[in-house]
N, C-alpha and C. Protein backbone atom coordinates (compact mmCIF):
# COMPACT_ATOMS: atom_id res chain seq x y z
N UNK A 1 -50.55 79.50 -32.02
CA UNK A 1 -49.70 79.41 -30.87
C UNK A 1 -50.06 80.54 -29.90
N UNK A 2 -50.15 80.22 -28.65
CA UNK A 2 -50.45 81.22 -27.63
C UNK A 2 -49.20 82.01 -27.30
N UNK A 3 -49.41 83.24 -26.85
CA UNK A 3 -48.29 84.11 -26.55
C UNK A 3 -47.50 83.62 -25.34
N UNK A 4 -46.20 83.81 -25.40
CA UNK A 4 -45.35 83.47 -24.26
C UNK A 4 -44.97 84.72 -23.49
N UNK A 5 -45.44 85.88 -23.95
CA UNK A 5 -45.17 87.12 -23.24
C UNK A 5 -46.00 87.15 -21.97
N UNK A 6 -45.49 87.78 -20.94
CA UNK A 6 -46.19 87.84 -19.66
C UNK A 6 -46.47 89.29 -19.30
N UNK A 7 -47.61 89.49 -18.67
CA UNK A 7 -48.00 90.81 -18.20
C UNK A 7 -48.00 90.79 -16.68
N UNK A 8 -47.28 91.73 -16.11
CA UNK A 8 -47.29 91.90 -14.66
C UNK A 8 -48.20 93.08 -14.37
N UNK A 9 -49.48 92.77 -14.09
CA UNK A 9 -50.46 93.82 -13.87
C UNK A 9 -49.97 94.78 -12.79
N UNK A 10 -50.27 96.05 -13.00
CA UNK A 10 -49.97 97.10 -12.03
C UNK A 10 -48.52 97.55 -12.01
N UNK A 11 -47.64 96.92 -12.76
CA UNK A 11 -46.23 97.25 -12.63
C UNK A 11 -45.71 98.19 -13.72
N UNK A 12 -46.13 98.00 -14.96
CA UNK A 12 -45.59 98.77 -16.08
C UNK A 12 -46.70 99.20 -17.02
N UNK A 13 -46.37 100.16 -17.90
CA UNK A 13 -47.19 100.31 -19.09
C UNK A 13 -46.56 99.39 -20.14
N UNK A 14 -47.33 99.07 -21.17
CA UNK A 14 -46.90 98.06 -22.14
C UNK A 14 -47.05 98.57 -23.57
N UNK A 15 -46.12 98.12 -24.40
CA UNK A 15 -46.22 98.25 -25.85
C UNK A 15 -46.92 96.98 -26.31
N UNK A 16 -48.06 97.12 -26.99
CA UNK A 16 -48.79 95.95 -27.44
C UNK A 16 -49.06 96.05 -28.94
N UNK A 17 -49.18 94.89 -29.55
CA UNK A 17 -49.48 94.77 -30.97
C UNK A 17 -50.53 93.69 -31.16
N UNK A 18 -51.55 93.97 -31.93
CA UNK A 18 -52.53 92.95 -32.31
C UNK A 18 -52.73 93.01 -33.81
N UNK A 19 -52.75 91.85 -34.42
CA UNK A 19 -52.77 91.75 -35.88
C UNK A 19 -53.91 90.85 -36.33
N UNK A 20 -54.52 91.23 -37.44
CA UNK A 20 -55.59 90.44 -38.05
C UNK A 20 -54.97 89.22 -38.74
N UNK A 21 -55.66 88.09 -38.70
CA UNK A 21 -55.17 86.88 -39.36
C UNK A 21 -54.93 87.15 -40.84
N UNK A 22 -53.94 86.50 -41.38
CA UNK A 22 -53.57 86.62 -42.80
C UNK A 22 -53.29 88.07 -43.22
N UNK A 23 -53.10 88.94 -42.25
CA UNK A 23 -52.81 90.35 -42.52
C UNK A 23 -53.86 90.99 -43.43
N UNK A 24 -55.11 90.58 -43.24
CA UNK A 24 -56.21 91.14 -44.03
C UNK A 24 -56.40 92.60 -43.60
N UNK A 25 -56.41 93.53 -44.55
CA UNK A 25 -56.49 94.96 -44.20
C UNK A 25 -57.91 95.41 -43.83
N UNK A 26 -58.44 94.87 -42.75
CA UNK A 26 -59.82 95.17 -42.36
C UNK A 26 -60.02 96.63 -41.96
N UNK A 27 -58.95 97.30 -41.53
CA UNK A 27 -59.11 98.68 -41.09
C UNK A 27 -59.01 99.68 -42.25
N UNK A 28 -59.05 99.17 -43.48
CA UNK A 28 -59.28 100.03 -44.63
C UNK A 28 -60.78 100.31 -44.77
N UNK A 29 -61.58 99.57 -44.01
CA UNK A 29 -63.02 99.75 -43.98
C UNK A 29 -63.37 100.63 -42.77
N UNK A 30 -64.05 101.74 -43.00
CA UNK A 30 -64.34 102.71 -41.93
C UNK A 30 -65.16 102.12 -40.79
N UNK A 31 -66.11 101.22 -41.09
CA UNK A 31 -66.91 100.60 -40.03
C UNK A 31 -66.03 99.82 -39.06
N UNK A 32 -65.05 99.13 -39.60
CA UNK A 32 -64.15 98.33 -38.75
C UNK A 32 -63.24 99.24 -37.92
N UNK A 33 -62.74 100.28 -38.53
CA UNK A 33 -61.90 101.24 -37.80
C UNK A 33 -62.70 101.89 -36.69
N UNK A 34 -63.93 102.29 -37.00
CA UNK A 34 -64.80 102.89 -35.99
C UNK A 34 -65.05 101.93 -34.83
N UNK A 35 -65.24 100.66 -35.13
CA UNK A 35 -65.48 99.67 -34.07
C UNK A 35 -64.27 99.56 -33.14
N UNK A 36 -63.07 99.56 -33.72
CA UNK A 36 -61.87 99.48 -32.89
C UNK A 36 -61.72 100.75 -32.04
N UNK A 37 -61.93 101.90 -32.65
CA UNK A 37 -61.84 103.15 -31.89
C UNK A 37 -62.88 103.17 -30.77
N UNK A 38 -64.10 102.76 -31.08
CA UNK A 38 -65.16 102.72 -30.06
C UNK A 38 -64.77 101.81 -28.90
N UNK A 39 -64.18 100.66 -29.21
CA UNK A 39 -63.77 99.73 -28.15
C UNK A 39 -62.65 100.31 -27.29
N UNK A 40 -61.71 100.97 -27.93
CA UNK A 40 -60.60 101.59 -27.18
C UNK A 40 -61.11 102.72 -26.29
N UNK A 41 -61.96 103.58 -26.83
CA UNK A 41 -62.49 104.71 -26.06
C UNK A 41 -63.39 104.20 -24.92
N UNK A 42 -64.20 103.20 -25.20
CA UNK A 42 -65.05 102.61 -24.16
C UNK A 42 -64.18 102.08 -23.01
N UNK A 43 -63.11 101.42 -23.36
CA UNK A 43 -62.21 100.86 -22.34
C UNK A 43 -61.54 101.97 -21.54
N UNK A 44 -61.20 103.07 -22.20
CA UNK A 44 -60.64 104.21 -21.48
C UNK A 44 -61.64 104.75 -20.46
N UNK A 45 -62.89 104.88 -20.87
CA UNK A 45 -63.91 105.49 -20.02
C UNK A 45 -64.42 104.57 -18.93
N UNK A 46 -64.43 103.27 -19.19
CA UNK A 46 -65.12 102.35 -18.29
C UNK A 46 -64.24 101.30 -17.62
N UNK A 47 -63.00 101.16 -18.08
CA UNK A 47 -62.15 100.08 -17.55
C UNK A 47 -60.80 100.58 -17.09
N UNK A 48 -60.67 101.87 -16.87
CA UNK A 48 -59.42 102.48 -16.43
C UNK A 48 -58.25 102.06 -17.32
N UNK A 49 -58.50 102.05 -18.60
CA UNK A 49 -57.52 101.71 -19.62
C UNK A 49 -56.88 103.01 -20.09
N UNK A 50 -55.60 103.13 -19.96
CA UNK A 50 -54.90 104.36 -20.29
C UNK A 50 -54.09 104.15 -21.57
N UNK A 51 -54.26 105.05 -22.53
CA UNK A 51 -53.56 104.97 -23.81
C UNK A 51 -52.60 106.15 -23.90
N UNK A 52 -51.32 105.85 -24.09
CA UNK A 52 -50.30 106.89 -24.18
C UNK A 52 -49.81 107.11 -25.61
N UNK A 53 -49.93 106.11 -26.46
CA UNK A 53 -49.58 106.18 -27.88
C UNK A 53 -50.41 105.13 -28.61
N UNK A 54 -50.75 105.43 -29.85
CA UNK A 54 -51.47 104.43 -30.63
C UNK A 54 -51.27 104.69 -32.12
N UNK A 55 -51.47 103.64 -32.88
CA UNK A 55 -51.61 103.73 -34.32
C UNK A 55 -52.49 102.56 -34.75
N UNK A 56 -53.40 102.86 -35.67
CA UNK A 56 -54.23 101.82 -36.28
C UNK A 56 -53.81 101.72 -37.73
N UNK A 57 -53.19 100.63 -38.07
CA UNK A 57 -52.74 100.37 -39.43
C UNK A 57 -53.80 99.53 -40.15
N UNK A 58 -53.69 99.32 -41.45
CA UNK A 58 -54.73 98.57 -42.16
C UNK A 58 -55.02 97.18 -41.59
N UNK A 59 -53.99 96.49 -41.06
CA UNK A 59 -54.20 95.11 -40.59
C UNK A 59 -53.74 94.86 -39.16
N UNK A 60 -53.37 95.91 -38.44
CA UNK A 60 -52.95 95.74 -37.04
C UNK A 60 -53.00 97.06 -36.30
N UNK A 61 -52.81 96.98 -35.00
CA UNK A 61 -52.66 98.20 -34.23
C UNK A 61 -51.55 98.03 -33.21
N UNK A 62 -50.98 99.16 -32.81
CA UNK A 62 -49.98 99.23 -31.74
C UNK A 62 -50.49 100.22 -30.70
N UNK A 63 -50.20 99.93 -29.45
CA UNK A 63 -50.51 100.84 -28.35
C UNK A 63 -49.36 100.86 -27.38
N UNK A 64 -49.18 101.97 -26.71
CA UNK A 64 -48.50 101.99 -25.43
C UNK A 64 -49.61 102.32 -24.45
N UNK A 65 -49.84 101.41 -23.51
CA UNK A 65 -51.01 101.54 -22.66
C UNK A 65 -50.73 100.99 -21.26
N UNK A 66 -51.66 101.27 -20.38
CA UNK A 66 -51.59 100.76 -19.02
C UNK A 66 -52.99 100.40 -18.56
N UNK A 67 -53.09 99.30 -17.85
CA UNK A 67 -54.35 98.90 -17.24
C UNK A 67 -54.05 97.83 -16.20
N UNK A 68 -54.73 97.91 -15.09
CA UNK A 68 -54.52 96.88 -14.07
C UNK A 68 -54.94 95.50 -14.56
N UNK A 69 -55.89 95.45 -15.45
CA UNK A 69 -56.38 94.18 -16.00
C UNK A 69 -56.14 94.16 -17.51
N UNK A 70 -54.90 94.36 -17.90
CA UNK A 70 -54.55 94.54 -19.31
C UNK A 70 -54.98 93.36 -20.17
N UNK A 71 -54.71 92.15 -19.75
CA UNK A 71 -55.04 90.97 -20.56
C UNK A 71 -56.54 90.91 -20.83
N UNK A 72 -57.34 91.10 -19.79
CA UNK A 72 -58.79 91.03 -19.95
C UNK A 72 -59.31 92.16 -20.83
N UNK A 73 -58.76 93.36 -20.69
CA UNK A 73 -59.24 94.49 -21.49
C UNK A 73 -58.88 94.30 -22.96
N UNK A 74 -57.67 93.87 -23.26
CA UNK A 74 -57.29 93.63 -24.66
C UNK A 74 -58.15 92.51 -25.25
N UNK A 75 -58.40 91.46 -24.47
CA UNK A 75 -59.28 90.39 -24.96
C UNK A 75 -60.68 90.92 -25.26
N UNK A 76 -61.17 91.79 -24.41
CA UNK A 76 -62.50 92.38 -24.61
C UNK A 76 -62.54 93.24 -25.87
N UNK A 77 -61.50 94.05 -26.07
CA UNK A 77 -61.41 94.90 -27.26
C UNK A 77 -61.40 94.03 -28.52
N UNK A 78 -60.60 92.99 -28.50
CA UNK A 78 -60.50 92.12 -29.68
C UNK A 78 -61.79 91.34 -29.91
N UNK A 79 -62.44 90.89 -28.86
CA UNK A 79 -63.70 90.16 -29.00
C UNK A 79 -64.78 91.05 -29.59
N UNK A 80 -64.91 92.26 -29.05
CA UNK A 80 -65.91 93.21 -29.56
C UNK A 80 -65.67 93.52 -31.03
N UNK A 81 -64.42 93.85 -31.36
CA UNK A 81 -64.14 94.24 -32.75
C UNK A 81 -64.26 93.06 -33.70
N UNK A 82 -63.92 91.87 -33.25
CA UNK A 82 -64.06 90.69 -34.12
C UNK A 82 -65.52 90.52 -34.53
N UNK A 83 -66.42 90.66 -33.57
CA UNK A 83 -67.85 90.53 -33.89
C UNK A 83 -68.29 91.59 -34.88
N UNK A 84 -67.83 92.81 -34.69
CA UNK A 84 -68.19 93.91 -35.59
C UNK A 84 -67.60 93.70 -36.99
N UNK A 85 -66.36 93.23 -37.04
CA UNK A 85 -65.71 92.99 -38.32
C UNK A 85 -66.43 91.87 -39.08
N UNK A 86 -66.77 90.80 -38.39
CA UNK A 86 -67.51 89.70 -39.03
C UNK A 86 -68.85 90.23 -39.56
N UNK A 87 -69.54 91.02 -38.76
CA UNK A 87 -70.82 91.58 -39.19
C UNK A 87 -70.66 92.46 -40.43
N UNK A 88 -69.59 93.26 -40.46
CA UNK A 88 -69.32 94.11 -41.63
C UNK A 88 -69.22 93.27 -42.89
N UNK A 89 -68.44 92.19 -42.84
CA UNK A 89 -68.25 91.37 -44.04
C UNK A 89 -69.45 90.50 -44.36
N UNK A 90 -70.23 90.15 -43.35
CA UNK A 90 -71.49 89.46 -43.64
C UNK A 90 -72.46 90.41 -44.34
N UNK A 91 -72.55 91.65 -43.84
CA UNK A 91 -73.43 92.64 -44.46
C UNK A 91 -73.01 92.94 -45.90
N UNK A 92 -71.70 92.99 -46.14
CA UNK A 92 -71.18 93.25 -47.48
C UNK A 92 -71.16 92.00 -48.36
N UNK A 93 -71.47 90.85 -47.76
CA UNK A 93 -71.47 89.55 -48.43
C UNK A 93 -70.11 89.25 -49.08
N UNK A 94 -69.05 89.55 -48.34
CA UNK A 94 -67.69 89.27 -48.82
C UNK A 94 -67.26 87.90 -48.29
N UNK A 95 -67.70 86.89 -49.01
CA UNK A 95 -67.51 85.51 -48.56
C UNK A 95 -66.05 85.09 -48.55
N UNK A 96 -65.24 85.64 -49.44
CA UNK A 96 -63.83 85.25 -49.47
C UNK A 96 -63.12 85.64 -48.17
N UNK A 97 -63.42 86.81 -47.64
CA UNK A 97 -62.80 87.22 -46.37
C UNK A 97 -63.35 86.39 -45.22
N UNK A 98 -64.66 86.17 -45.21
CA UNK A 98 -65.25 85.34 -44.16
C UNK A 98 -64.68 83.93 -44.18
N UNK A 99 -64.44 83.40 -45.38
CA UNK A 99 -63.83 82.06 -45.50
C UNK A 99 -62.42 82.05 -44.93
N UNK A 100 -61.67 83.13 -45.12
CA UNK A 100 -60.33 83.21 -44.52
C UNK A 100 -60.43 83.21 -43.00
N UNK A 101 -61.37 83.98 -42.46
CA UNK A 101 -61.56 83.99 -41.00
C UNK A 101 -61.97 82.60 -40.51
N UNK A 102 -62.80 81.94 -41.27
CA UNK A 102 -63.26 80.61 -40.88
C UNK A 102 -62.13 79.58 -40.94
N UNK A 103 -61.31 79.64 -41.99
CA UNK A 103 -60.23 78.66 -42.13
C UNK A 103 -59.11 78.87 -41.10
N UNK A 104 -59.04 80.06 -40.50
CA UNK A 104 -58.02 80.33 -39.49
C UNK A 104 -58.47 79.99 -38.07
N UNK A 105 -59.72 79.61 -37.89
CA UNK A 105 -60.21 79.27 -36.56
C UNK A 105 -59.47 78.05 -36.03
N UNK A 106 -59.00 78.18 -34.82
CA UNK A 106 -58.29 77.08 -34.18
C UNK A 106 -59.27 75.97 -33.81
N UNK A 107 -58.84 74.72 -33.94
CA UNK A 107 -59.72 73.58 -33.67
C UNK A 107 -60.25 73.57 -32.24
N UNK A 108 -59.47 74.04 -31.30
CA UNK A 108 -59.89 73.98 -29.90
C UNK A 108 -60.88 75.10 -29.53
N UNK A 109 -61.17 76.00 -30.46
CA UNK A 109 -62.11 77.09 -30.18
C UNK A 109 -63.50 76.66 -30.64
N UNK A 110 -64.23 76.05 -29.71
CA UNK A 110 -65.55 75.52 -30.03
C UNK A 110 -66.63 76.59 -30.03
N UNK A 111 -66.38 77.70 -29.38
CA UNK A 111 -67.40 78.73 -29.19
C UNK A 111 -67.48 79.71 -30.36
N UNK A 112 -66.61 79.58 -31.33
CA UNK A 112 -66.56 80.55 -32.42
C UNK A 112 -66.43 79.85 -33.76
N UNK A 113 -67.01 80.47 -34.76
CA UNK A 113 -66.91 79.96 -36.13
C UNK A 113 -65.75 80.61 -36.88
N UNK A 114 -65.27 81.76 -36.38
CA UNK A 114 -64.27 82.55 -37.08
C UNK A 114 -63.09 82.89 -36.17
N UNK A 115 -61.95 83.14 -36.78
CA UNK A 115 -60.76 83.67 -36.10
C UNK A 115 -60.37 84.94 -36.86
N UNK A 116 -60.63 86.10 -36.24
CA UNK A 116 -60.35 87.38 -36.88
C UNK A 116 -58.95 87.87 -36.50
N UNK A 117 -58.63 87.80 -35.22
CA UNK A 117 -57.35 88.28 -34.71
C UNK A 117 -56.37 87.13 -34.53
N UNK A 118 -55.11 87.39 -34.77
CA UNK A 118 -54.08 86.44 -34.36
C UNK A 118 -54.12 86.35 -32.84
N UNK A 119 -53.76 85.22 -32.30
CA UNK A 119 -53.77 85.05 -30.85
C UNK A 119 -52.72 85.93 -30.20
N UNK A 120 -53.01 86.35 -28.98
CA UNK A 120 -52.06 87.12 -28.20
C UNK A 120 -52.02 88.57 -28.63
N UNK A 121 -51.16 89.34 -27.93
CA UNK A 121 -51.00 90.75 -28.27
C UNK A 121 -49.58 91.23 -28.00
N UNK A 122 -48.67 90.33 -27.78
CA UNK A 122 -47.24 90.59 -27.67
C UNK A 122 -46.89 91.74 -26.72
N UNK A 123 -47.33 91.71 -25.48
CA UNK A 123 -47.03 92.81 -24.57
C UNK A 123 -45.55 92.88 -24.22
N UNK A 124 -45.01 94.08 -24.31
CA UNK A 124 -43.61 94.31 -23.92
C UNK A 124 -43.60 95.44 -22.89
N UNK A 125 -43.11 95.14 -21.70
CA UNK A 125 -43.09 96.14 -20.63
C UNK A 125 -42.18 97.30 -21.02
N UNK A 126 -42.68 98.50 -20.79
CA UNK A 126 -41.89 99.72 -21.01
C UNK A 126 -41.16 100.00 -19.69
N UNK A 127 -39.85 99.74 -19.68
CA UNK A 127 -39.12 99.79 -18.41
C UNK A 127 -38.21 101.00 -18.27
N UNK A 128 -38.22 101.90 -19.28
CA UNK A 128 -37.39 103.10 -19.18
C UNK A 128 -37.96 104.20 -20.07
N UNK A 129 -37.55 105.43 -19.81
CA UNK A 129 -37.96 106.55 -20.66
C UNK A 129 -37.44 106.38 -22.08
N UNK A 130 -36.23 105.87 -22.21
CA UNK A 130 -35.66 105.64 -23.55
C UNK A 130 -36.50 104.63 -24.33
N UNK A 131 -36.92 103.58 -23.67
CA UNK A 131 -37.74 102.57 -24.33
C UNK A 131 -39.10 103.16 -24.72
N UNK A 132 -39.67 103.99 -23.86
CA UNK A 132 -40.93 104.66 -24.18
C UNK A 132 -40.77 105.51 -25.45
N UNK A 133 -39.71 106.30 -25.51
CA UNK A 133 -39.48 107.15 -26.69
C UNK A 133 -39.27 106.31 -27.95
N UNK A 134 -38.51 105.23 -27.84
CA UNK A 134 -38.25 104.38 -28.99
C UNK A 134 -39.54 103.76 -29.51
N UNK A 135 -40.37 103.24 -28.62
CA UNK A 135 -41.63 102.62 -29.03
C UNK A 135 -42.61 103.67 -29.55
N UNK A 136 -42.60 104.84 -28.94
CA UNK A 136 -43.45 105.94 -29.42
C UNK A 136 -43.07 106.33 -30.84
N UNK A 137 -41.78 106.48 -31.10
CA UNK A 137 -41.33 106.81 -32.46
C UNK A 137 -41.71 105.70 -33.43
N UNK A 138 -41.55 104.45 -33.02
CA UNK A 138 -41.91 103.32 -33.87
C UNK A 138 -43.39 103.40 -34.25
N UNK A 139 -44.24 103.66 -33.26
CA UNK A 139 -45.68 103.77 -33.50
C UNK A 139 -45.97 104.91 -34.48
N UNK A 140 -45.42 106.08 -34.21
CA UNK A 140 -45.74 107.26 -35.02
C UNK A 140 -45.18 107.18 -36.43
N UNK A 141 -44.05 106.52 -36.61
CA UNK A 141 -43.45 106.44 -37.95
C UNK A 141 -43.91 105.21 -38.74
N UNK A 142 -44.70 104.35 -38.14
CA UNK A 142 -45.19 103.17 -38.84
C UNK A 142 -45.92 103.52 -40.13
N UNK A 143 -46.86 104.48 -40.15
CA UNK A 143 -47.53 104.82 -41.42
C UNK A 143 -46.60 105.45 -42.45
N UNK A 144 -45.58 106.20 -42.00
CA UNK A 144 -44.61 106.79 -42.92
C UNK A 144 -43.78 105.68 -43.55
N UNK A 145 -43.31 104.78 -42.72
CA UNK A 145 -42.48 103.67 -43.21
C UNK A 145 -43.24 102.82 -44.23
N UNK A 146 -44.54 102.65 -44.03
CA UNK A 146 -45.36 101.88 -44.95
C UNK A 146 -45.76 102.66 -46.20
N UNK A 147 -45.46 103.95 -46.24
CA UNK A 147 -45.80 104.76 -47.40
C UNK A 147 -47.24 105.23 -47.43
N UNK A 148 -47.93 105.19 -46.30
CA UNK A 148 -49.32 105.64 -46.24
C UNK A 148 -49.41 107.16 -46.18
N UNK A 149 -48.39 107.80 -45.61
CA UNK A 149 -48.30 109.26 -45.52
C UNK A 149 -46.83 109.66 -45.62
N UNK A 150 -46.59 110.95 -45.83
CA UNK A 150 -45.21 111.45 -45.89
C UNK A 150 -44.70 111.93 -44.54
N UNK A 151 -45.61 112.45 -43.71
CA UNK A 151 -45.26 112.99 -42.40
C UNK A 151 -46.13 112.33 -41.33
N UNK A 152 -45.58 112.10 -40.15
CA UNK A 152 -46.33 111.41 -39.10
C UNK A 152 -47.64 112.12 -38.76
N UNK A 153 -47.65 113.44 -38.82
CA UNK A 153 -48.84 114.21 -38.44
C UNK A 153 -49.98 114.05 -39.43
N UNK A 154 -49.70 113.54 -40.61
CA UNK A 154 -50.73 113.39 -41.65
C UNK A 154 -51.63 112.19 -41.40
N UNK A 155 -51.19 111.23 -40.61
CA UNK A 155 -51.94 109.99 -40.44
C UNK A 155 -53.03 110.18 -39.40
N UNK A 156 -54.27 109.98 -39.82
CA UNK A 156 -55.42 110.26 -38.96
C UNK A 156 -55.52 109.33 -37.76
N UNK A 157 -55.12 108.08 -37.90
CA UNK A 157 -55.34 107.09 -36.85
C UNK A 157 -54.07 106.82 -36.05
N UNK A 158 -53.53 107.89 -35.50
CA UNK A 158 -52.29 107.81 -34.75
C UNK A 158 -52.27 108.92 -33.70
N UNK A 159 -51.53 108.71 -32.64
CA UNK A 159 -51.38 109.74 -31.62
C UNK A 159 -50.34 110.78 -32.01
N UNK A 160 -49.75 110.68 -33.17
CA UNK A 160 -48.74 111.66 -33.60
C UNK A 160 -49.31 113.07 -33.63
N UNK A 161 -50.53 113.24 -34.11
CA UNK A 161 -51.16 114.57 -34.12
C UNK A 161 -51.31 115.12 -32.70
N UNK A 162 -51.63 114.23 -31.78
CA UNK A 162 -51.78 114.65 -30.39
C UNK A 162 -50.45 115.20 -29.86
N UNK A 163 -49.38 114.49 -30.14
CA UNK A 163 -48.07 114.88 -29.61
C UNK A 163 -47.47 116.08 -30.34
N UNK A 164 -47.51 116.06 -31.66
CA UNK A 164 -46.79 117.07 -32.42
C UNK A 164 -47.62 118.33 -32.71
N UNK A 165 -48.94 118.16 -32.86
CA UNK A 165 -49.79 119.31 -33.16
C UNK A 165 -50.70 119.70 -32.00
N UNK A 166 -50.71 118.88 -30.95
CA UNK A 166 -51.59 119.07 -29.79
C UNK A 166 -53.06 119.13 -30.21
N UNK A 167 -53.41 118.27 -31.17
CA UNK A 167 -54.79 118.14 -31.63
C UNK A 167 -55.37 116.86 -31.06
N UNK A 168 -56.51 116.97 -30.40
CA UNK A 168 -57.18 115.78 -29.88
C UNK A 168 -57.83 115.03 -31.03
N UNK A 169 -57.56 113.75 -31.07
CA UNK A 169 -58.20 112.89 -32.06
C UNK A 169 -59.39 112.19 -31.43
N UNK A 170 -59.90 111.18 -32.09
CA UNK A 170 -61.04 110.43 -31.55
C UNK A 170 -60.63 109.62 -30.33
N UNK A 171 -59.36 109.30 -30.23
CA UNK A 171 -58.83 108.65 -29.03
C UNK A 171 -57.96 109.68 -28.34
N UNK A 172 -58.34 110.05 -27.14
CA UNK A 172 -57.59 111.06 -26.40
C UNK A 172 -56.42 110.37 -25.70
N UNK A 173 -55.24 110.93 -25.85
CA UNK A 173 -54.04 110.38 -25.22
C UNK A 173 -54.05 110.78 -23.75
N UNK A 174 -53.92 109.78 -22.89
CA UNK A 174 -53.91 110.05 -21.45
C UNK A 174 -52.65 110.78 -21.02
N UNK A 175 -52.82 111.67 -20.07
CA UNK A 175 -51.73 112.41 -19.43
C UNK A 175 -50.96 113.32 -20.38
N UNK A 176 -51.57 113.72 -21.48
CA UNK A 176 -50.95 114.65 -22.40
C UNK A 176 -51.59 116.02 -22.23
N UNK A 177 -50.77 117.04 -22.06
CA UNK A 177 -51.26 118.39 -21.90
C UNK A 177 -51.50 118.98 -23.29
N UNK A 178 -52.77 119.14 -23.66
CA UNK A 178 -53.14 119.63 -24.98
C UNK A 178 -53.10 121.15 -25.07
N UNK A 179 -52.93 121.83 -23.95
CA UNK A 179 -52.95 123.30 -23.95
C UNK A 179 -51.65 123.92 -24.43
N UNK A 180 -50.58 123.19 -24.46
CA UNK A 180 -49.27 123.75 -24.87
C UNK A 180 -49.02 123.55 -26.33
């Protein structure tokens, strides 16, 4: 099913979520995580994509972000990472995962053999400071809630370290003063 959420380019920053089909934990593999980080950083540098919060979980990611062409940039990120993820599992000869990606491909998608990501990215406009804080806390506490770490700052693939420890990660948070 295609998303019914709407993006009003240029008007808001958005809370977005993208999930791998069947909740396959592809980001437990470092090559796949690196591919997603590379795509996000590339988009920051080359597509005026601004990231204010992020977390990469084993089978999905959340962002608070802004971009004038948000739909196209998220599609590009997902397309790039899908190709890299498929290549990872082909190289590892993990046919069971590739078969899951293949069985999830939508019939109307003639250009692809696999479906790695669930369709859409569930954009929710951030319309207030309170909503920004609530979504930021949700993002940062996601790994704690899942039992992956005890404290938000312990999770490597999150902007929590940026906010709480002022440590730059592989994805630099836009508009955050790291000197304080």
